Protein backbone atom coordinates (compact mmCIF):
# COMPACT_ATOMS: atom_id res chain seq x y z
CA UNK A 1 157.25 152.94 175.47
CA UNK A 2 157.64 149.13 175.60
CA UNK A 3 161.14 147.82 175.28
CA UNK A 4 162.26 145.56 172.45
CA UNK A 5 162.58 142.64 174.87
CA UNK A 6 159.00 143.08 176.12
CA UNK A 7 157.63 143.12 172.59
CA UNK A 8 159.55 139.94 171.71
CA UNK A 9 158.16 138.23 174.81
CA UNK A 10 154.62 139.25 173.81
CA UNK A 11 155.14 137.87 170.30
CA UNK A 12 156.44 134.56 171.67
CA UNK A 13 153.50 134.35 174.08
CA UNK A 14 150.92 134.99 171.35
CA UNK A 15 152.60 132.43 169.08
CA UNK A 16 152.32 129.80 171.81
CA UNK A 17 148.63 130.58 172.27
CA UNK A 18 148.11 130.42 168.51
CA UNK A 19 149.63 126.94 168.40
CA UNK A 20 147.22 125.78 171.09
CA UNK A 21 144.13 127.30 169.45
CA UNK A 22 145.10 125.91 166.04
CA UNK A 23 145.62 122.44 167.50
CA UNK A 24 142.23 122.60 169.26
CA UNK A 25 140.62 123.67 166.01
CA UNK A 26 142.10 120.72 164.13
CA UNK A 27 141.06 118.25 166.85
CA UNK A 28 137.48 119.58 166.80
CA UNK A 29 137.41 119.44 162.99
CA UNK A 30 138.54 115.81 163.05
CA UNK A 31 135.97 114.81 165.66
CA UNK A 32 133.02 116.61 164.15
CA UNK A 33 133.03 114.37 161.07
CA UNK A 34 132.35 111.37 163.27
CA UNK A 35 129.78 113.33 165.27
CA UNK A 36 127.91 114.33 162.10
CA UNK A 37 127.87 110.72 160.92
CA UNK A 38 126.44 109.62 164.26
CA UNK A 39 123.66 112.22 164.04
CA UNK A 40 122.74 111.23 160.50
CA UNK A 41 122.53 107.61 161.64
CA UNK A 42 120.45 108.34 164.76
CA UNK A 43 117.90 110.79 163.32
CA UNK A 44 116.01 108.32 161.06
CA UNK A 45 115.80 105.75 163.86
CA UNK A 46 114.45 108.29 166.36
CA UNK A 47 111.95 109.63 163.82
CA UNK A 48 110.68 106.19 162.82
CA UNK A 49 110.44 105.12 166.46
CA UNK A 50 108.34 108.21 167.15
CA UNK A 51 106.12 107.39 164.18
CA UNK A 52 105.68 103.77 165.23
CA UNK A 53 104.66 104.75 168.74
CA UNK A 54 102.23 107.27 167.25
CA UNK A 55 100.64 104.55 165.12
CA UNK A 56 100.23 102.20 168.08
CA UNK A 57 98.90 104.90 170.41
CA UNK A 58 96.27 106.05 167.92
CA UNK A 59 94.95 102.49 167.50
CA UNK A 60 94.54 101.85 171.22
CA UNK A 61 91.56 102.89 173.29
CA UNK A 62 91.43 104.01 176.91
CA UNK A 63 90.51 100.49 178.04
CA UNK A 64 93.51 99.04 176.19
CA UNK A 65 95.93 101.39 177.94
CA UNK A 66 94.46 100.91 181.41
CA UNK A 67 96.76 98.96 183.72
CA UNK A 68 99.72 98.95 181.33
CA UNK A 69 101.65 101.83 182.95
CA UNK A 70 101.67 103.58 179.58
CA UNK A 71 98.65 105.79 180.15
CA UNK A 72 100.29 107.76 182.99
CA UNK A 73 103.16 108.72 180.68
CA UNK A 74 100.69 110.56 178.43
CA UNK A 75 98.47 112.12 181.07
CA UNK A 76 98.95 115.51 182.66
CA UNK A 77 99.54 114.94 186.36
CA UNK A 78 100.41 116.63 189.65
CA UNK A 79 99.46 120.20 188.62
CA UNK A 80 101.57 122.61 190.62
CA UNK A 81 103.98 119.80 191.54
CA UNK A 82 107.71 119.48 191.00
CA UNK A 83 109.19 120.55 187.67
CA UNK A 84 112.10 118.54 186.29
CA UNK A 85 114.72 120.23 184.11
CA UNK A 86 117.13 118.31 181.89
CA UNK A 87 120.01 120.66 181.02
CA UNK A 88 122.67 119.50 178.55
CA UNK A 89 125.85 121.61 178.38
CA UNK A 90 129.53 121.06 177.60
CA UNK A 91 132.13 119.81 180.04
CA UNK A 92 134.69 122.40 178.95
CA UNK A 93 134.82 125.98 177.75
CA UNK A 94 136.63 127.56 174.80
CA UNK A 95 133.64 126.97 172.52
CA UNK A 96 132.39 130.51 171.96
CA UNK A 97 128.88 131.30 173.15
CA UNK A 98 127.80 127.63 173.24
CA UNK A 99 127.57 127.37 177.03
CA UNK A 100 126.61 131.01 177.56
CA UNK A 101 123.49 130.72 175.42
CA UNK A 102 122.45 127.50 177.14
CA UNK A 103 122.89 128.95 180.61
CA UNK A 104 120.93 132.07 179.61
CA UNK A 105 118.08 129.88 178.38
CA UNK A 106 118.19 127.85 181.61
CA UNK A 107 118.25 131.02 183.71
CA UNK A 108 115.23 132.37 181.81
CA UNK A 109 113.34 129.09 182.40
CA UNK A 110 114.22 129.11 186.10
CA UNK A 111 113.10 132.74 186.39
CA UNK A 112 109.83 131.90 184.68
CA UNK A 113 109.23 129.10 187.19
CA UNK A 114 110.46 130.92 190.28
CA UNK A 115 108.62 129.75 193.37
CA UNK A 116 108.19 126.19 192.06
CA UNK A 117 110.10 123.19 193.38
CA UNK A 118 112.61 122.17 190.71
CA UNK A 119 114.40 118.87 190.28
CA UNK A 120 117.35 119.07 187.87
CA UNK A 121 119.06 116.41 185.78
CA UNK A 122 122.22 117.88 184.29
CA UNK A 123 124.67 116.65 181.67
CA UNK A 124 127.97 118.52 181.42
CA UNK A 125 130.24 120.13 183.98
CA UNK A 126 129.36 123.71 182.97
CA UNK A 127 125.66 123.22 183.63
CA UNK A 128 126.29 121.43 186.90
CA UNK A 129 128.56 124.18 188.19
CA UNK A 130 126.03 126.81 187.10
CA UNK A 131 123.17 125.18 189.02
CA UNK A 132 125.36 124.66 192.09
CA UNK A 133 126.07 128.40 192.21
CA UNK A 134 122.42 129.43 192.17
CA UNK A 135 120.98 130.72 195.42
CA UNK A 136 117.46 131.46 196.55
CA UNK A 137 115.77 128.69 194.54
CA UNK A 138 114.05 125.52 195.66
CA UNK A 139 116.38 123.54 193.40
CA UNK A 140 117.74 120.02 193.79
CA UNK A 141 120.21 118.33 191.42
CA UNK A 142 118.82 114.79 191.43
CA UNK A 143 121.22 113.34 188.86
CA UNK A 144 124.35 114.55 187.10
CA UNK A 145 126.49 113.16 184.30
CA UNK A 146 129.86 114.73 183.51
CA UNK A 147 132.85 113.74 181.41
CA UNK A 148 130.85 111.99 178.66
CA UNK A 149 131.74 114.34 175.81
CA UNK A 150 133.08 113.97 173.15
CA UNK A 151 132.64 110.18 173.32
CA UNK A 152 128.91 109.83 173.89
CA UNK A 153 127.51 106.34 173.59
CA UNK A 154 124.05 104.84 173.76
CA UNK A 155 124.86 103.54 177.24
CA UNK A 156 125.00 107.15 178.48
CA UNK A 157 121.56 107.83 177.01
CA UNK A 158 120.21 104.67 178.63
CA UNK A 159 121.57 105.64 182.05
CA UNK A 160 120.09 109.10 181.62
CA UNK A 161 116.74 107.64 180.57
CA UNK A 162 116.67 105.31 183.59
CA UNK A 163 117.41 108.20 185.96
CA UNK A 164 114.67 110.40 184.45
CA UNK A 165 112.08 107.64 184.45
CA UNK A 166 112.88 106.81 188.08
CA UNK A 167 112.45 110.45 189.09
CA UNK A 168 109.23 110.77 187.08
CA UNK A 169 107.65 107.67 188.60
CA UNK A 170 108.80 108.04 192.21
CA UNK A 171 108.27 111.78 192.70
CA UNK A 172 105.28 114.08 192.20
CA UNK A 173 106.72 115.49 188.97
CA UNK A 174 104.42 117.54 186.78
CA UNK A 175 106.60 117.58 183.66
CA UNK A 176 110.14 117.09 182.37
CA UNK A 177 111.63 119.91 180.25
CA UNK A 178 114.86 119.62 178.29
CA UNK A 179 117.19 122.40 177.16
CA UNK A 180 120.06 121.68 174.78
CA UNK A 181 121.85 122.95 171.69
CA UNK A 182 120.74 121.39 168.41
CA UNK A 183 123.26 121.06 165.58
CA UNK A 184 122.01 122.74 162.41
CA UNK A 185 125.21 123.44 160.48
CA UNK A 186 128.86 124.16 161.05
CA UNK A 187 127.97 127.80 161.70
CA UNK A 188 124.58 127.47 163.38
CA UNK A 189 123.36 125.88 166.61
CA UNK A 190 119.83 126.35 167.89
CA UNK A 191 118.68 126.29 171.50
CA UNK A 192 115.91 123.70 171.92
CA UNK A 193 113.50 124.09 174.83
CA UNK A 194 110.90 121.35 174.80
CA UNK A 195 108.96 118.84 176.87
CA UNK A 196 110.10 115.25 177.25
CA UNK A 197 107.38 114.04 179.63
CA UNK A 198 104.41 113.68 179.64
CA UNK A 199 104.64 112.27 176.14
CA UNK A 200 102.83 114.16 173.44
CA UNK A 201 99.68 112.59 172.10
CA UNK A 202 100.44 111.65 168.51
CA UNK A 203 97.79 112.76 166.03
CA UNK A 204 99.17 111.74 162.70
CA UNK A 205 96.27 110.12 160.90
CA UNK A 206 95.16 113.46 159.45
CA UNK A 207 98.61 113.93 157.95
CA UNK A 208 98.47 110.54 156.23
CA UNK A 209 94.88 110.19 155.03
CA UNK A 210 95.88 108.52 151.80
CA UNK A 211 98.35 106.06 153.31
CA UNK A 212 97.42 102.61 154.49
CA UNK A 213 98.53 102.10 158.06
CA UNK A 214 101.61 99.91 158.30
CA UNK A 215 100.24 98.05 161.32
CA UNK A 216 97.37 96.72 159.19
CA UNK A 217 99.84 94.30 157.63
CA UNK A 218 100.93 92.82 160.98
CA UNK A 219 99.49 90.87 163.85
CA UNK A 220 100.78 91.60 167.34
CA UNK A 221 101.62 89.09 170.04
CA UNK A 222 101.01 89.45 172.97
CA UNK A 223 99.30 92.72 171.93
CA UNK A 224 99.68 96.32 170.85
CA UNK A 225 99.43 97.73 174.38
CA UNK A 226 102.19 95.45 175.67
CA UNK A 227 104.37 96.30 172.69
CA UNK A 228 103.78 100.01 173.26
CA UNK A 229 104.77 99.60 176.90
CA UNK A 230 108.04 97.96 175.86
CA UNK A 231 108.79 100.49 173.13
CA UNK A 232 108.29 103.69 175.13
CA UNK A 233 111.42 103.31 177.34
CA UNK A 234 113.44 102.57 174.21
CA UNK A 235 111.82 105.54 172.51
CA UNK A 236 112.82 107.87 175.35
CA UNK A 237 116.35 106.41 175.29
CA UNK A 238 116.58 106.98 171.52
CA UNK A 239 115.40 110.59 171.87
CA UNK A 240 117.92 111.25 174.64
CA UNK A 241 120.69 109.62 172.60
CA UNK A 242 119.87 111.91 169.71
CA UNK A 243 119.85 114.88 172.11
CA UNK A 244 123.34 114.01 173.38
CA UNK A 245 124.66 113.55 169.84
CA UNK A 246 123.15 116.87 168.71
CA UNK A 247 124.74 118.66 171.67
CA UNK A 248 128.08 116.99 171.07
CA UNK A 249 128.21 117.97 167.40
CA UNK A 250 127.04 121.52 168.18
CA UNK A 251 129.77 121.87 170.81
CA UNK A 252 132.48 120.66 168.43
CA UNK A 253 131.29 123.01 165.69
CA UNK A 254 131.21 125.94 168.12
CA UNK A 255 134.69 125.09 169.41
CA UNK A 256 136.10 124.78 165.90
CA UNK A 257 134.70 128.19 164.91
CA UNK A 258 135.87 129.82 168.15
CA UNK A 259 139.39 128.43 167.81
CA UNK A 260 139.55 129.48 164.15
CA UNK A 261 138.60 133.03 165.12
CA UNK A 262 141.13 132.96 167.96
CA UNK A 263 143.87 131.78 165.59
CA UNK A 264 143.06 134.56 163.13
CA UNK A 265 143.08 137.14 165.91
CA UNK A 266 146.42 135.79 167.12
CA UNK A 267 147.88 136.13 163.62
CA UNK A 268 146.68 139.74 163.39
CA UNK A 269 148.09 140.46 166.85
CA UNK A 270 151.45 138.93 165.91
CA UNK A 271 151.57 141.05 162.75
CA UNK A 272 150.81 144.18 164.76
CA UNK A 273 153.43 143.37 167.40
CA UNK A 274 156.00 142.59 164.71
CA UNK A 275 155.35 145.95 163.07
CA UNK A 276 155.66 147.64 166.45
CA UNK A 277 158.92 145.79 167.12
CA UNK A 278 160.36 146.86 163.77
CA UNK A 279 159.39 150.47 164.40
CA UNK A 280 160.93 150.34 167.86
CA UNK A 281 164.14 148.83 166.47
CA UNK A 282 164.24 151.45 163.73
CA UNK A 283 163.74 154.21 166.29
CA UNK A 284 166.56 152.81 168.41
CA UNK A 285 168.91 152.63 165.43
CA UNK A 286 168.00 156.18 164.39
CA UNK A 287 168.62 157.41 167.94
CA UNK A 288 172.02 155.69 168.06
CA UNK A 289 173.00 157.13 164.68
CA UNK A 290 172.00 160.61 165.84
CA UNK A 291 174.11 160.18 168.97
CA UNK A 292 177.10 159.04 166.92
CA UNK A 293 176.75 161.96 164.50
CA UNK A 294 176.32 164.41 167.37
CA UNK A 295 179.39 163.01 169.14
CA UNK A 296 181.45 163.15 165.98
CA UNK A 297 180.50 166.79 165.35
CA UNK A 298 181.31 167.66 168.96
CA UNK A 299 184.78 166.15 168.58
CA UNK A 300 185.41 168.03 165.31
CA UNK A 301 184.41 171.29 166.90
């Protein structure tokens, strides 16, 4: 049976842990408001940029795109060549199943593409450490970015975009796949597994048959193809910036929920240990009283 001193030490230890988890919960709750605001501000820009590029691409012919460097970003290339994986994880733990689910999705993708040469671009210390530990794969970490959360800026997305574009243009890369956690709500984060490059061919005219194309109201100088070539790098940067913001908000939400659960569990554990301590104290007092009564009766006899 545990002694009274041991139980008191356990209670003090759990109380200290509870203070830490509660503080981490409050910090995450304070930061997630700003993260949500950043997402709400970035989503319309990324969506409208995607729509604008779709409009321009649909109006250009093959001869317009030739020689601009844009066409190769849309075309399938190097079949059977290198696959590039962009994995976005957290830098730290204590955020529930946030990192675990991401690493499981990455492991499933790597298993699916076993035998292929893989070039990885990783954001977050957890993902980097995970890929470093893997053995038996033809895997190279071409670029890594750690320590950017929870203060992601557009400059980080631009650096990431430059690194990916350099890899895509200089190496025989077939495609670039991204895996990250998308923020849906305070309780829900969804794993997103999609393709960044080659760019998807936008077919949006059928969805907007009754709308007059916005570009009909404008003239372009020096031309639509040149404008498209300038917009695509900014488009990729905007999509990556949104990806980083989504992952950041999802991580903060997961950490806040995990720390709230940990604080509740600590409270329940403290209550149970306190009850156990009271029972132990009561048992000790009862034992002492029995010894006193027994000693008194022995003296009287």
